[in-house]
């Protein structure tokens, strides 16, 4: 049997793993919801599929499972305030959406204006691991804001960092 890793050590280790900052959104019969996440990853390109991890104790969890669709909005560096807005549990869901620009994706999920990319898809499978659900999402649409993206937003060592293109 492998030795157990403490929660504190795990969290400190994960703080040293840089991650893109995203806002995950949904809408449908249950209504709109969104949250900030860095636990997003590509799975395969055939069919185009990503995974999104979400804590099952989150208030918004029921919206995602009931609606069955979501959009991964990859934030640009200048959208750090949007990350904070969707991470703030004290801001009502309706207000989060009122304070940011949206358009509807192919699935009906809200796609954030100004994001580097919107990955719009249907949840085709859900796996429960520990405290989280892993949503497997087949993409129905990919919207690129511009052909040449500006700086992206990453989270590393418990701080935001702007990521730009490497110098030529």
N, C-alpha and C. Protein backbone atom coordinates (compact mmCIF):
# COMPACT_ATOMS: atom_id res chain seq x y z
N UNK A 1 0.85 -1.19 0.00
CA UNK A 1 0.00 0.00 0.00
C UNK A 1 0.89 1.25 0.00
N UNK A 2 0.53 2.21 -0.82
CA UNK A 2 1.28 3.45 -0.90
C UNK A 2 1.02 4.32 0.32
N UNK A 3 2.02 5.10 0.74
CA UNK A 3 1.78 6.01 1.86
C UNK A 3 0.80 7.11 1.46
N UNK A 4 0.07 7.62 2.43
CA UNK A 4 -0.91 8.67 2.19
C UNK A 4 -0.21 10.03 2.09
N UNK A 5 -0.70 10.86 1.19
CA UNK A 5 -0.21 12.23 1.03
C UNK A 5 -1.17 13.14 1.78
N UNK A 6 -0.64 14.07 2.56
CA UNK A 6 -1.51 14.98 3.30
C UNK A 6 -2.19 15.96 2.35
N UNK A 7 -3.37 16.42 2.75
CA UNK A 7 -4.09 17.42 1.98
C UNK A 7 -3.25 18.68 1.81
N UNK A 8 -2.56 19.09 2.87
CA UNK A 8 -1.72 20.29 2.80
C UNK A 8 -0.60 20.13 1.79
N UNK A 9 0.08 18.97 1.79
CA UNK A 9 1.15 18.73 0.81
C UNK A 9 0.60 18.70 -0.61
N UNK A 10 -0.55 18.05 -0.78
CA UNK A 10 -1.16 17.98 -2.10
C UNK A 10 -1.48 19.38 -2.61
N UNK A 11 -2.12 20.18 -1.79
CA UNK A 11 -2.50 21.54 -2.20
C UNK A 11 -1.27 22.39 -2.51
N UNK A 12 -0.22 22.26 -1.70
CA UNK A 12 1.01 23.02 -1.98
C UNK A 12 1.63 22.57 -3.29
N UNK A 13 1.62 21.27 -3.53
CA UNK A 13 2.15 20.75 -4.80
C UNK A 13 1.35 21.25 -5.99
N UNK A 14 0.03 21.24 -5.89
CA UNK A 14 -0.82 21.70 -6.99
C UNK A 14 -0.68 23.20 -7.22
N UNK A 15 -0.36 23.97 -6.17
CA UNK A 15 -0.14 25.41 -6.34
C UNK A 15 1.05 25.68 -7.25
N UNK A 16 1.93 24.69 -7.38
CA UNK A 16 3.12 24.84 -8.22
C UNK A 16 2.92 24.28 -9.62
N UNK A 17 1.70 23.88 -9.93
CA UNK A 17 1.35 23.42 -11.26
C UNK A 17 0.57 24.53 -11.95
N UNK A 18 1.20 25.26 -12.88
CA UNK A 18 0.48 26.36 -13.53
C UNK A 18 -0.75 25.85 -14.28
N UNK A 19 -1.80 26.66 -14.25
CA UNK A 19 -3.03 26.29 -14.95
C UNK A 19 -3.67 27.49 -15.61
N UNK A 20 -4.24 27.26 -16.79
CA UNK A 20 -5.01 28.30 -17.45
C UNK A 20 -6.22 28.64 -16.58
N UNK A 21 -6.59 29.91 -16.55
CA UNK A 21 -7.76 30.32 -15.78
C UNK A 21 -8.96 30.35 -16.72
N UNK A 22 -10.01 29.67 -16.32
CA UNK A 22 -11.22 29.59 -17.13
C UNK A 22 -12.45 29.91 -16.29
N UNK A 23 -13.50 30.33 -16.97
CA UNK A 23 -14.81 30.43 -16.35
C UNK A 23 -15.68 29.43 -17.08
N UNK A 24 -16.27 28.51 -16.33
CA UNK A 24 -17.11 27.46 -16.87
C UNK A 24 -18.57 27.89 -16.69
N UNK A 25 -19.34 27.89 -17.78
CA UNK A 25 -20.71 28.39 -17.73
C UNK A 25 -21.69 27.35 -18.28
N UNK A 26 -22.93 27.48 -17.86
CA UNK A 26 -24.01 26.62 -18.36
C UNK A 26 -25.30 27.41 -18.39
N UNK A 27 -26.25 26.92 -19.16
CA UNK A 27 -27.62 27.43 -19.12
C UNK A 27 -28.52 26.35 -19.70
N UNK A 28 -29.77 26.39 -19.30
CA UNK A 28 -30.72 25.38 -19.75
C UNK A 28 -31.91 25.36 -18.83
N UNK A 29 -32.58 24.22 -18.71
CA UNK A 29 -33.79 24.13 -17.88
C UNK A 29 -33.58 24.56 -16.43
N UNK A 30 -32.40 24.30 -15.87
CA UNK A 30 -32.13 24.65 -14.47
C UNK A 30 -31.75 26.12 -14.30
N UNK A 31 -31.36 26.78 -15.42
CA UNK A 31 -30.97 28.18 -15.37
C UNK A 31 -29.47 28.35 -15.54
N UNK A 32 -29.02 29.61 -15.58
CA UNK A 32 -27.60 29.88 -15.80
C UNK A 32 -26.77 29.74 -14.53
N UNK A 33 -25.52 29.32 -14.72
CA UNK A 33 -24.57 29.24 -13.61
C UNK A 33 -23.17 29.28 -14.18
N UNK A 34 -22.22 29.64 -13.32
CA UNK A 34 -20.83 29.67 -13.75
C UNK A 34 -19.89 29.66 -12.56
N UNK A 35 -18.67 29.20 -12.80
CA UNK A 35 -17.65 29.18 -11.75
C UNK A 35 -16.27 29.30 -12.39
N UNK A 36 -15.30 29.73 -11.61
CA UNK A 36 -13.92 29.83 -12.05
C UNK A 36 -13.22 28.50 -11.81
N UNK A 37 -12.43 28.07 -12.80
CA UNK A 37 -11.75 26.77 -12.69
C UNK A 37 -10.39 26.81 -13.39
N UNK A 38 -9.48 26.01 -12.87
CA UNK A 38 -8.22 25.76 -13.58
C UNK A 38 -8.07 24.28 -13.88
N UNK A 39 -9.01 23.45 -13.41
CA UNK A 39 -8.95 22.01 -13.62
C UNK A 39 -9.71 21.65 -14.90
N UNK A 40 -9.10 21.98 -16.03
CA UNK A 40 -9.64 21.74 -17.36
C UNK A 40 -8.52 21.15 -18.20
N UNK A 41 -8.85 20.16 -19.03
CA UNK A 41 -7.81 19.50 -19.81
C UNK A 41 -8.39 18.92 -21.09
N UNK A 42 -7.61 18.90 -22.16
CA UNK A 42 -8.05 18.20 -23.36
C UNK A 42 -7.98 16.70 -23.11
N UNK A 43 -8.87 15.96 -23.76
CA UNK A 43 -8.90 14.51 -23.64
C UNK A 43 -8.48 13.89 -24.96
N UNK A 44 -9.17 14.27 -26.05
CA UNK A 44 -8.86 13.73 -27.37
C UNK A 44 -9.37 14.71 -28.43
N UNK A 45 -8.79 14.62 -29.64
CA UNK A 45 -9.27 15.48 -30.72
C UNK A 45 -10.23 14.75 -31.67
N UNK A 46 -10.49 13.46 -31.38
CA UNK A 46 -11.39 12.71 -32.24
C UNK A 46 -12.26 11.78 -31.40
N UNK A 47 -13.47 12.18 -30.99
CA UNK A 47 -14.06 13.49 -31.23
C UNK A 47 -13.46 14.54 -30.28
N UNK A 48 -13.50 15.82 -30.66
CA UNK A 48 -12.96 16.87 -29.79
C UNK A 48 -13.63 16.83 -28.41
N UNK A 49 -12.82 16.54 -27.38
CA UNK A 49 -13.35 16.32 -26.04
C UNK A 49 -12.42 16.94 -25.00
N UNK A 50 -13.01 17.56 -23.98
CA UNK A 50 -12.27 18.10 -22.85
C UNK A 50 -12.87 17.54 -21.58
N UNK A 51 -12.13 17.69 -20.48
CA UNK A 51 -12.69 17.36 -19.18
C UNK A 51 -12.64 18.59 -18.29
N UNK A 52 -13.62 18.68 -17.40
CA UNK A 52 -13.75 19.78 -16.45
C UNK A 52 -14.03 19.15 -15.09
N UNK A 53 -13.28 19.57 -14.07
CA UNK A 53 -13.50 19.06 -12.71
C UNK A 53 -14.25 20.11 -11.90
N UNK A 54 -15.22 19.64 -11.11
CA UNK A 54 -16.03 20.54 -10.29
C UNK A 54 -16.36 19.87 -8.96
N UNK A 55 -16.23 20.63 -7.88
CA UNK A 55 -16.57 20.12 -6.56
C UNK A 55 -18.08 19.86 -6.48
N UNK A 56 -18.45 18.66 -6.06
CA UNK A 56 -19.87 18.31 -5.98
C UNK A 56 -20.61 19.10 -4.91
N UNK A 57 -19.90 19.67 -3.94
CA UNK A 57 -20.57 20.45 -2.90
C UNK A 57 -20.83 21.89 -3.35
N UNK A 58 -20.37 22.26 -4.54
CA UNK A 58 -20.61 23.60 -5.06
C UNK A 58 -22.10 23.84 -5.29
N UNK A 59 -22.53 25.04 -4.96
CA UNK A 59 -23.91 25.45 -5.20
C UNK A 59 -24.29 25.26 -6.66
N UNK A 60 -23.35 25.52 -7.56
CA UNK A 60 -23.64 25.49 -9.00
C UNK A 60 -23.66 24.09 -9.59
N UNK A 61 -23.20 23.09 -8.87
CA UNK A 61 -23.07 21.74 -9.41
C UNK A 61 -24.37 21.23 -10.03
N UNK A 62 -25.48 21.43 -9.34
CA UNK A 62 -26.77 20.92 -9.82
C UNK A 62 -27.17 21.55 -11.16
N UNK A 63 -26.75 22.79 -11.41
CA UNK A 63 -27.06 23.45 -12.68
C UNK A 63 -26.39 22.73 -13.85
N UNK A 64 -25.13 22.36 -13.65
CA UNK A 64 -24.37 21.71 -14.71
C UNK A 64 -24.89 20.31 -14.99
N UNK A 65 -25.19 19.57 -13.94
CA UNK A 65 -25.69 18.20 -14.15
C UNK A 65 -27.09 18.21 -14.79
N UNK A 66 -27.93 19.15 -14.40
CA UNK A 66 -29.28 19.22 -14.97
C UNK A 66 -29.28 19.76 -16.39
N UNK A 67 -28.47 20.77 -16.66
CA UNK A 67 -28.46 21.38 -18.00
C UNK A 67 -27.75 20.51 -19.03
N UNK A 68 -26.71 19.79 -18.61
CA UNK A 68 -26.02 18.89 -19.52
C UNK A 68 -25.15 19.54 -20.57
N UNK A 69 -24.96 20.85 -20.49
CA UNK A 69 -24.09 21.57 -21.43
C UNK A 69 -23.21 22.52 -20.65
N UNK A 70 -22.08 22.86 -21.25
CA UNK A 70 -21.23 23.87 -20.62
C UNK A 70 -20.32 24.50 -21.66
N UNK A 71 -19.77 25.64 -21.29
CA UNK A 71 -18.78 26.32 -22.11
C UNK A 71 -17.57 26.61 -21.25
N UNK A 72 -16.40 26.21 -21.75
CA UNK A 72 -15.13 26.55 -21.11
C UNK A 72 -14.67 27.85 -21.76
N UNK A 73 -14.63 28.92 -20.99
CA UNK A 73 -14.20 30.24 -21.47
C UNK A 73 -12.79 30.49 -20.96
N UNK A 74 -11.81 30.43 -21.85
CA UNK A 74 -10.41 30.59 -21.47
C UNK A 74 -10.12 32.09 -21.40
N UNK A 75 -9.76 32.58 -20.21
CA UNK A 75 -9.65 34.01 -19.98
C UNK A 75 -8.37 34.63 -20.54
N UNK A 76 -8.52 35.83 -21.06
CA UNK A 76 -7.40 36.67 -21.46
C UNK A 76 -6.85 37.34 -20.20
N UNK A 77 -5.61 37.78 -20.27
CA UNK A 77 -4.94 38.39 -19.10
C UNK A 77 -5.76 39.54 -18.51
N UNK A 78 -6.39 40.34 -19.38
CA UNK A 78 -7.14 41.50 -18.87
C UNK A 78 -8.49 41.11 -18.26
N UNK A 79 -8.82 39.82 -18.22
CA UNK A 79 -10.09 39.37 -17.64
C UNK A 79 -9.94 38.80 -16.23
N UNK A 80 -8.87 39.17 -15.54
CA UNK A 80 -8.66 38.68 -14.18
C UNK A 80 -9.85 39.02 -13.29
N UNK A 81 -10.47 40.19 -13.50
CA UNK A 81 -11.63 40.57 -12.69
C UNK A 81 -12.81 39.62 -12.91
N UNK A 82 -12.94 39.07 -14.11
CA UNK A 82 -14.01 38.11 -14.40
C UNK A 82 -13.77 36.83 -13.60
N UNK A 83 -12.51 36.42 -13.51
CA UNK A 83 -12.17 35.25 -12.70
C UNK A 83 -12.60 35.47 -11.26
N UNK A 84 -12.27 36.63 -10.71
CA UNK A 84 -12.65 36.95 -9.33
C UNK A 84 -14.15 37.01 -9.15
N UNK A 85 -14.85 37.56 -10.13
CA UNK A 85 -16.30 37.67 -10.06
C UNK A 85 -16.96 36.29 -9.97
N UNK A 86 -16.51 35.35 -10.81
CA UNK A 86 -17.14 34.03 -10.84
C UNK A 86 -16.63 33.12 -9.72
N UNK A 87 -15.59 33.54 -9.01
CA UNK A 87 -15.11 32.78 -7.85
C UNK A 87 -15.73 33.29 -6.55
N UNK A 88 -16.37 34.45 -6.60
CA UNK A 88 -16.90 35.10 -5.40
C UNK A 88 -18.28 34.53 -5.06
N UNK A 89 -18.36 33.74 -4.02
CA UNK A 89 -19.61 33.10 -3.62
C UNK A 89 -20.66 34.09 -3.13
N UNK A 90 -20.24 35.31 -2.82
CA UNK A 90 -21.18 36.31 -2.31
C UNK A 90 -21.88 37.08 -3.42
N UNK A 91 -21.44 36.91 -4.66
CA UNK A 91 -22.09 37.59 -5.79
C UNK A 91 -23.14 36.65 -6.37
N UNK A 92 -24.40 37.08 -6.39
CA UNK A 92 -25.46 36.21 -6.93
C UNK A 92 -25.17 35.85 -8.40
N UNK A 93 -25.62 34.67 -8.79
CA UNK A 93 -25.36 34.17 -10.15
C UNK A 93 -25.85 35.14 -11.21
N UNK A 94 -27.05 35.68 -11.04
CA UNK A 94 -27.59 36.61 -12.05
C UNK A 94 -26.69 37.82 -12.22
N UNK A 95 -26.17 38.34 -11.11
CA UNK A 95 -25.30 39.52 -11.18
C UNK A 95 -23.99 39.21 -11.90
N UNK A 96 -23.46 38.01 -11.72
CA UNK A 96 -22.23 37.63 -12.42
C UNK A 96 -22.42 37.76 -13.93
N UNK A 97 -23.56 37.27 -14.41
CA UNK A 97 -23.82 37.31 -15.85
C UNK A 97 -24.18 38.72 -16.32
N UNK A 98 -24.83 39.52 -15.48
CA UNK A 98 -25.18 40.89 -15.85
C UNK A 98 -23.95 41.77 -16.02
N UNK A 99 -22.88 41.46 -15.31
CA UNK A 99 -21.68 42.31 -15.32
C UNK A 99 -20.67 41.92 -16.39
N UNK A 100 -20.99 40.95 -17.23
CA UNK A 100 -20.05 40.49 -18.26
C UNK A 100 -20.78 40.30 -19.59
N UNK A 101 -20.06 40.46 -20.72
CA UNK A 101 -20.71 40.31 -22.04
C UNK A 101 -20.80 38.83 -22.46
N UNK A 102 -21.98 38.43 -22.96
CA UNK A 102 -22.21 37.03 -23.34
C UNK A 102 -22.89 36.93 -24.68
N UNK A 103 -22.67 35.80 -25.33
CA UNK A 103 -23.48 35.38 -26.46
C UNK A 103 -23.75 33.89 -26.28
N UNK A 104 -24.74 33.37 -26.95
CA UNK A 104 -25.11 31.95 -26.83
C UNK A 104 -24.24 31.11 -27.77
N UNK A 105 -23.80 29.98 -27.25
CA UNK A 105 -23.07 29.03 -28.08
C UNK A 105 -24.02 28.08 -28.77
N UNK A 106 -23.47 27.16 -29.52
CA UNK A 106 -24.25 26.16 -30.24
C UNK A 106 -25.18 25.37 -29.31
N UNK A 107 -24.69 25.07 -28.10
CA UNK A 107 -25.49 24.29 -27.14
C UNK A 107 -26.46 25.14 -26.33
N UNK A 108 -26.34 26.46 -26.44
CA UNK A 108 -27.13 27.36 -25.61
C UNK A 108 -26.39 27.84 -24.38
N UNK A 109 -25.21 27.26 -24.13
CA UNK A 109 -24.40 27.71 -22.99
C UNK A 109 -23.88 29.12 -23.26
N UNK A 110 -23.75 29.94 -22.21
CA UNK A 110 -23.21 31.29 -22.38
C UNK A 110 -21.72 31.25 -22.72
N UNK A 111 -21.34 32.01 -23.76
CA UNK A 111 -19.94 32.14 -24.18
C UNK A 111 -19.49 33.56 -23.87
N UNK A 112 -18.43 33.69 -23.10
CA UNK A 112 -17.93 34.99 -22.64
C UNK A 112 -17.27 35.75 -23.78
N UNK A 113 -17.72 36.99 -23.99
CA UNK A 113 -17.08 37.87 -24.96
C UNK A 113 -15.68 38.25 -24.49
N UNK A 114 -14.73 38.32 -25.42
CA UNK A 114 -13.37 38.70 -25.08
C UNK A 114 -12.49 37.57 -24.60
N UNK A 115 -13.06 36.38 -24.39
CA UNK A 115 -12.25 35.23 -23.97
C UNK A 115 -11.32 34.84 -25.12
N UNK A 116 -10.19 34.21 -24.79
CA UNK A 116 -9.27 33.76 -25.83
C UNK A 116 -9.91 32.71 -26.71
N UNK A 117 -10.70 31.84 -26.10
CA UNK A 117 -11.45 30.82 -26.83
C UNK A 117 -12.64 30.39 -25.99
N UNK A 118 -13.72 30.03 -26.66
CA UNK A 118 -14.91 29.46 -26.03
C UNK A 118 -15.04 28.03 -26.54
N UNK A 119 -15.03 27.07 -25.61
CA UNK A 119 -15.17 25.66 -25.94
C UNK A 119 -16.55 25.22 -25.47
N UNK A 120 -17.47 25.10 -26.40
CA UNK A 120 -18.88 24.88 -26.11
C UNK A 120 -19.23 23.42 -26.37
N UNK A 121 -19.81 22.73 -25.35
CA UNK A 121 -20.09 21.32 -25.58
C UNK A 121 -21.14 20.73 -24.68
N UNK A 122 -21.38 19.44 -24.92
CA UNK A 122 -22.34 18.66 -24.16
C UNK A 122 -21.62 17.71 -23.21
N UNK A 123 -22.11 17.61 -21.99
CA UNK A 123 -21.56 16.66 -21.02
C UNK A 123 -22.04 15.27 -21.43
N UNK A 124 -21.10 14.41 -21.81
CA UNK A 124 -21.48 13.06 -22.29
C UNK A 124 -21.23 11.99 -21.23
N UNK A 125 -20.45 12.32 -20.21
CA UNK A 125 -20.21 11.38 -19.11
C UNK A 125 -19.78 12.16 -17.89
N UNK A 126 -20.09 11.62 -16.72
CA UNK A 126 -19.66 12.21 -15.46
C UNK A 126 -19.09 11.10 -14.59
N UNK A 127 -17.90 11.36 -14.05
CA UNK A 127 -17.26 10.40 -13.15
C UNK A 127 -17.06 11.08 -11.81
N UNK A 128 -17.36 10.39 -10.74
CA UNK A 128 -17.17 10.93 -9.39
C UNK A 128 -15.88 10.37 -8.82
N UNK A 129 -15.00 11.28 -8.40
CA UNK A 129 -13.73 10.90 -7.77
C UNK A 129 -13.57 11.78 -6.53
N UNK A 130 -13.54 11.16 -5.37
CA UNK A 130 -13.40 11.93 -4.13
C UNK A 130 -14.52 12.94 -4.01
N UNK A 131 -14.17 14.20 -3.84
CA UNK A 131 -15.13 15.27 -3.64
C UNK A 131 -15.64 15.88 -4.95
N UNK A 132 -15.10 15.45 -6.10
CA UNK A 132 -15.36 16.13 -7.36
C UNK A 132 -16.09 15.26 -8.39
N UNK A 133 -16.73 15.96 -9.32
CA UNK A 133 -17.24 15.35 -10.54
C UNK A 133 -16.29 15.72 -11.66
N UNK A 134 -16.01 14.75 -12.50
CA UNK A 134 -15.24 15.00 -13.72
C UNK A 134 -16.24 14.93 -14.87
N UNK A 135 -16.49 16.07 -15.50
CA UNK A 135 -17.39 16.13 -16.64
C UNK A 135 -16.58 15.87 -17.91
N UNK A 136 -17.00 14.89 -18.70
CA UNK A 136 -16.41 14.63 -20.00
C UNK A 136 -17.31 15.35 -21.01
N UNK A 137 -16.71 16.26 -21.78
CA UNK A 137 -17.49 17.18 -22.61
C UNK A 137 -17.07 17.05 -24.08
N UNK A 138 -18.01 16.62 -24.93
CA UNK A 138 -17.76 16.61 -26.38
C UNK A 138 -18.13 17.98 -26.92
N UNK A 139 -17.20 18.56 -27.65
CA UNK A 139 -17.39 19.92 -28.13
C UNK A 139 -18.30 19.98 -29.35
N UNK A 140 -19.18 20.97 -29.33
CA UNK A 140 -20.08 21.27 -30.45
C UNK A 140 -19.61 22.53 -31.17
N UNK A 141 -18.76 23.31 -30.51
CA UNK A 141 -18.27 24.55 -31.11
C UNK A 141 -17.02 25.04 -30.43
N UNK A 142 -16.16 25.65 -31.23
CA UNK A 142 -14.94 26.31 -30.75
C UNK A 142 -14.93 27.70 -31.38
N UNK A 143 -14.98 28.74 -30.55
CA UNK A 143 -14.98 30.11 -31.05
C UNK A 143 -13.69 30.79 -30.61
N UNK A 144 -12.89 31.18 -31.60
CA UNK A 144 -11.64 31.90 -31.34
C UNK A 144 -11.91 33.38 -31.47
N UNK A 145 -11.57 34.16 -30.44
CA UNK A 145 -11.85 35.60 -30.45
C UNK A 145 -11.11 36.29 -31.60
N UNK A 146 -9.84 35.98 -31.77
CA UNK A 146 -9.04 36.59 -32.84
C UNK A 146 -8.06 35.55 -33.36
N UNK A 147 -7.55 35.73 -34.59
CA UNK A 147 -6.56 34.77 -35.11
C UNK A 147 -5.26 34.77 -34.29
N UNK A 148 -4.88 35.90 -33.76
CA UNK A 148 -3.67 36.02 -32.93
C UNK A 148 -4.08 36.43 -31.52
N UNK A 149 -4.11 35.49 -30.59
CA UNK A 149 -4.58 35.84 -29.23
C UNK A 149 -3.60 36.75 -28.50
N UNK A 150 -4.16 37.57 -27.65
CA UNK A 150 -3.34 38.38 -26.75
C UNK A 150 -2.88 37.52 -25.59
N UNK A 151 -2.31 38.14 -24.57
CA UNK A 151 -1.83 37.38 -23.42
C UNK A 151 -2.95 36.62 -22.72
N UNK A 152 -2.63 35.41 -22.27
CA UNK A 152 -3.57 34.59 -21.52
C UNK A 152 -3.37 34.79 -20.03
N UNK A 153 -4.27 34.20 -19.25
CA UNK A 153 -4.23 34.32 -17.80
C UNK A 153 -3.96 32.95 -17.19
N UNK A 154 -2.93 32.86 -16.36
CA UNK A 154 -2.58 31.61 -15.70
C UNK A 154 -2.59 31.82 -14.19
N UNK A 155 -2.76 30.72 -13.46
CA UNK A 155 -2.71 30.75 -12.00
C UNK A 155 -1.56 29.86 -11.57
N UNK A 156 -0.63 30.42 -10.82
CA UNK A 156 0.55 29.69 -10.38
C UNK A 156 1.00 30.24 -9.03
N UNK A 157 1.29 29.34 -8.09
CA UNK A 157 1.77 29.72 -6.77
C UNK A 157 0.82 30.71 -6.08
N UNK A 158 -0.48 30.44 -6.28
CA UNK A 158 -1.58 31.21 -5.67
C UNK A 158 -1.64 32.67 -6.13
N UNK A 159 -1.16 32.91 -7.34
CA UNK A 159 -1.24 34.26 -7.91
C UNK A 159 -1.53 34.16 -9.41
N UNK A 160 -2.13 35.23 -9.94
CA UNK A 160 -2.37 35.33 -11.38
C UNK A 160 -1.10 35.79 -12.08
N UNK A 161 -0.94 35.30 -13.32
CA UNK A 161 0.19 35.70 -14.16
C UNK A 161 -0.29 35.84 -15.59
N UNK A 162 0.15 36.88 -16.27
CA UNK A 162 -0.16 37.05 -17.70
C UNK A 162 0.83 36.23 -18.50
N UNK A 163 0.33 35.52 -19.50
CA UNK A 163 1.17 34.73 -20.38
C UNK A 163 1.10 35.31 -21.77
N UNK A 164 2.24 35.72 -22.32
CA UNK A 164 2.26 36.28 -23.66
C UNK A 164 3.02 35.36 -24.60
N UNK A 165 2.98 35.74 -25.86
CA UNK A 165 3.72 34.98 -26.87
C UNK A 165 5.21 35.15 -26.64
N UNK A 166 5.96 34.09 -26.92
CA UNK A 166 7.42 34.16 -26.77
C UNK A 166 8.01 35.10 -27.81
N UNK A 167 9.08 35.77 -27.44
CA UNK A 167 9.77 36.68 -28.38
C UNK A 167 10.40 35.86 -29.50
N UNK A 168 10.34 36.42 -30.71
CA UNK A 168 10.91 35.72 -31.87
C UNK A 168 12.40 35.91 -31.96
